[in-house]
Protein backbone atom coordinates (compact mmCIF):
# COMPACT_ATOMS: atom_id res chain seq x y z
CA MET A 1 -31.33 -23.54 -8.47
CA THR A 2 -33.94 -20.89 -9.13
CA VAL A 3 -37.66 -21.78 -7.63
CA ALA A 4 -39.05 -18.66 -8.63
CA ASN A 5 -41.52 -19.49 -11.30
CA ARG A 6 -41.27 -24.17 -10.25
CA ASP A 7 -44.50 -25.64 -9.11
CA PRO A 8 -43.96 -25.48 -5.61
CA HIS A 9 -44.45 -29.38 -4.93
CA ALA A 10 -41.13 -30.24 -7.69
CA VAL A 11 -39.07 -28.07 -5.31
CA VAL A 12 -40.13 -29.65 -2.01
CA ARG A 13 -39.53 -33.13 -3.79
CA ASP A 14 -36.57 -32.15 -5.49
CA LEU A 15 -34.82 -30.61 -2.43
CA VAL A 16 -36.12 -33.55 -0.18
CA ALA A 17 -35.25 -35.80 -2.74
CA VAL A 18 -30.88 -34.85 -2.42
CA VAL A 19 -31.09 -35.64 1.40
CA ILE A 20 -29.26 -38.66 2.21
CA PRO A 21 -30.58 -40.81 5.10
CA LEU A 22 -28.53 -41.52 7.77
CA ASP A 23 -30.28 -44.00 9.33
CA GLU A 24 -33.79 -45.78 8.89
CA HIS A 25 -35.80 -43.80 10.59
CA ALA A 26 -34.06 -41.01 8.38
CA ALA A 27 -35.42 -42.91 5.23
CA HIS A 28 -38.51 -43.54 6.27
CA ASP A 29 -38.61 -39.79 7.04
CA GLN A 30 -37.66 -39.22 3.31
CA THR A 31 -39.75 -41.42 1.74
CA THR A 32 -43.18 -40.68 3.65
CA THR A 33 -41.93 -37.23 2.99
CA LEU A 34 -42.05 -37.72 -1.49
CA SER A 35 -45.19 -40.01 -0.57
CA TRP A 36 -46.56 -37.09 0.65
CA VAL A 37 -45.79 -34.36 -1.09
CA GLU A 38 -46.33 -36.62 -4.90
CA SER A 39 -49.62 -36.96 -2.65
CA GLY A 40 -50.29 -33.27 -4.21
CA ALA A 41 -52.13 -32.41 -0.48
CA PRO A 42 -51.18 -28.32 -0.19
CA LEU A 43 -48.10 -27.33 1.50
CA PHE A 44 -48.44 -24.40 2.92
CA ARG A 45 -50.52 -23.90 6.05
CA ILE A 46 -53.94 -21.90 5.14
CA ALA A 47 -55.68 -21.14 8.22
CA ARG A 48 -54.62 -21.00 11.42
CA PRO A 49 -53.64 -23.06 14.03
CA ALA A 50 -53.00 -26.10 11.94
CA THR A 51 -54.88 -26.42 8.34
CA PRO A 52 -54.27 -28.68 6.67
CA ASP A 53 -52.46 -31.01 9.77
CA LYS A 54 -49.68 -31.62 8.04
CA HIS A 55 -48.29 -28.65 6.32
CA LEU A 56 -44.17 -27.43 6.24
CA CYS A 57 -42.48 -25.46 8.61
CA VAL A 58 -39.42 -24.32 8.65
CA TYR A 59 -36.48 -24.60 10.66
CA SER A 60 -32.59 -23.94 11.73
CA ALA A 61 -30.59 -25.25 13.44
CA LEU A 62 -27.51 -22.58 15.30
CA LEU A 63 -24.74 -24.70 16.30
CA ASP A 64 -22.19 -23.31 18.36
CA GLU A 65 -19.35 -25.16 17.71
CA ALA A 66 -17.04 -24.04 20.80
CA ARG A 67 -19.42 -24.08 22.95
CA ARG A 68 -21.38 -28.27 21.68
CA THR A 69 -25.07 -26.18 21.81
CA VAL A 70 -27.83 -25.49 19.90
CA LEU A 71 -30.00 -22.80 19.77
CA LEU A 72 -33.71 -23.61 21.17
CA VAL A 73 -36.18 -21.31 21.73
CA ASP A 74 -38.99 -21.61 23.95
CA HIS A 75 -42.27 -22.25 21.50
CA VAL A 76 -44.89 -20.95 23.55
CA LYS A 77 -48.03 -22.75 21.83
CA ALA A 78 -46.64 -25.64 20.78
CA GLY A 79 -45.60 -25.65 24.90
CA LEU A 80 -41.95 -26.98 23.33
CA TRP A 81 -38.21 -26.30 23.08
CA LEU A 82 -37.98 -25.55 19.30
CA CYS A 83 -35.63 -24.91 16.72
CA PRO A 84 -36.57 -21.94 15.32
CA GLY A 85 -38.28 -21.55 12.19
CA PHE A 86 -41.57 -20.39 11.04
CA ILE A 87 -44.70 -21.68 8.78
CA ARG A 88 -45.46 -20.48 5.08
CA GLN A 89 -48.88 -19.48 4.90
CA VAL A 90 -50.78 -19.47 1.76
CA GLY A 91 -51.32 -15.57 1.12
CA CYS A 92 -48.47 -13.76 3.42
CA ARG A 93 -45.26 -12.02 1.83
CA VAL A 94 -41.55 -13.92 2.83
């Protein structure tokens, strides 16, 4: 999928729409996410720590199948152990 010249809302909508939910909770999350994206609300953080309140984050689940473990990192500001990831902020180049 070429995304360079596409509207970010359309890209996210298309990616979320093709996910096959495995249970009712995932189906609900997909429905609410699609509603949020289709509302035209800002997708990316524009100011720290969390403006807008709802914004996209990217996480990667790194699995060690042999050990049956998942890599988690200590997110100091959140006070949580999370999969590694980042927040795309408006104006930042990736």
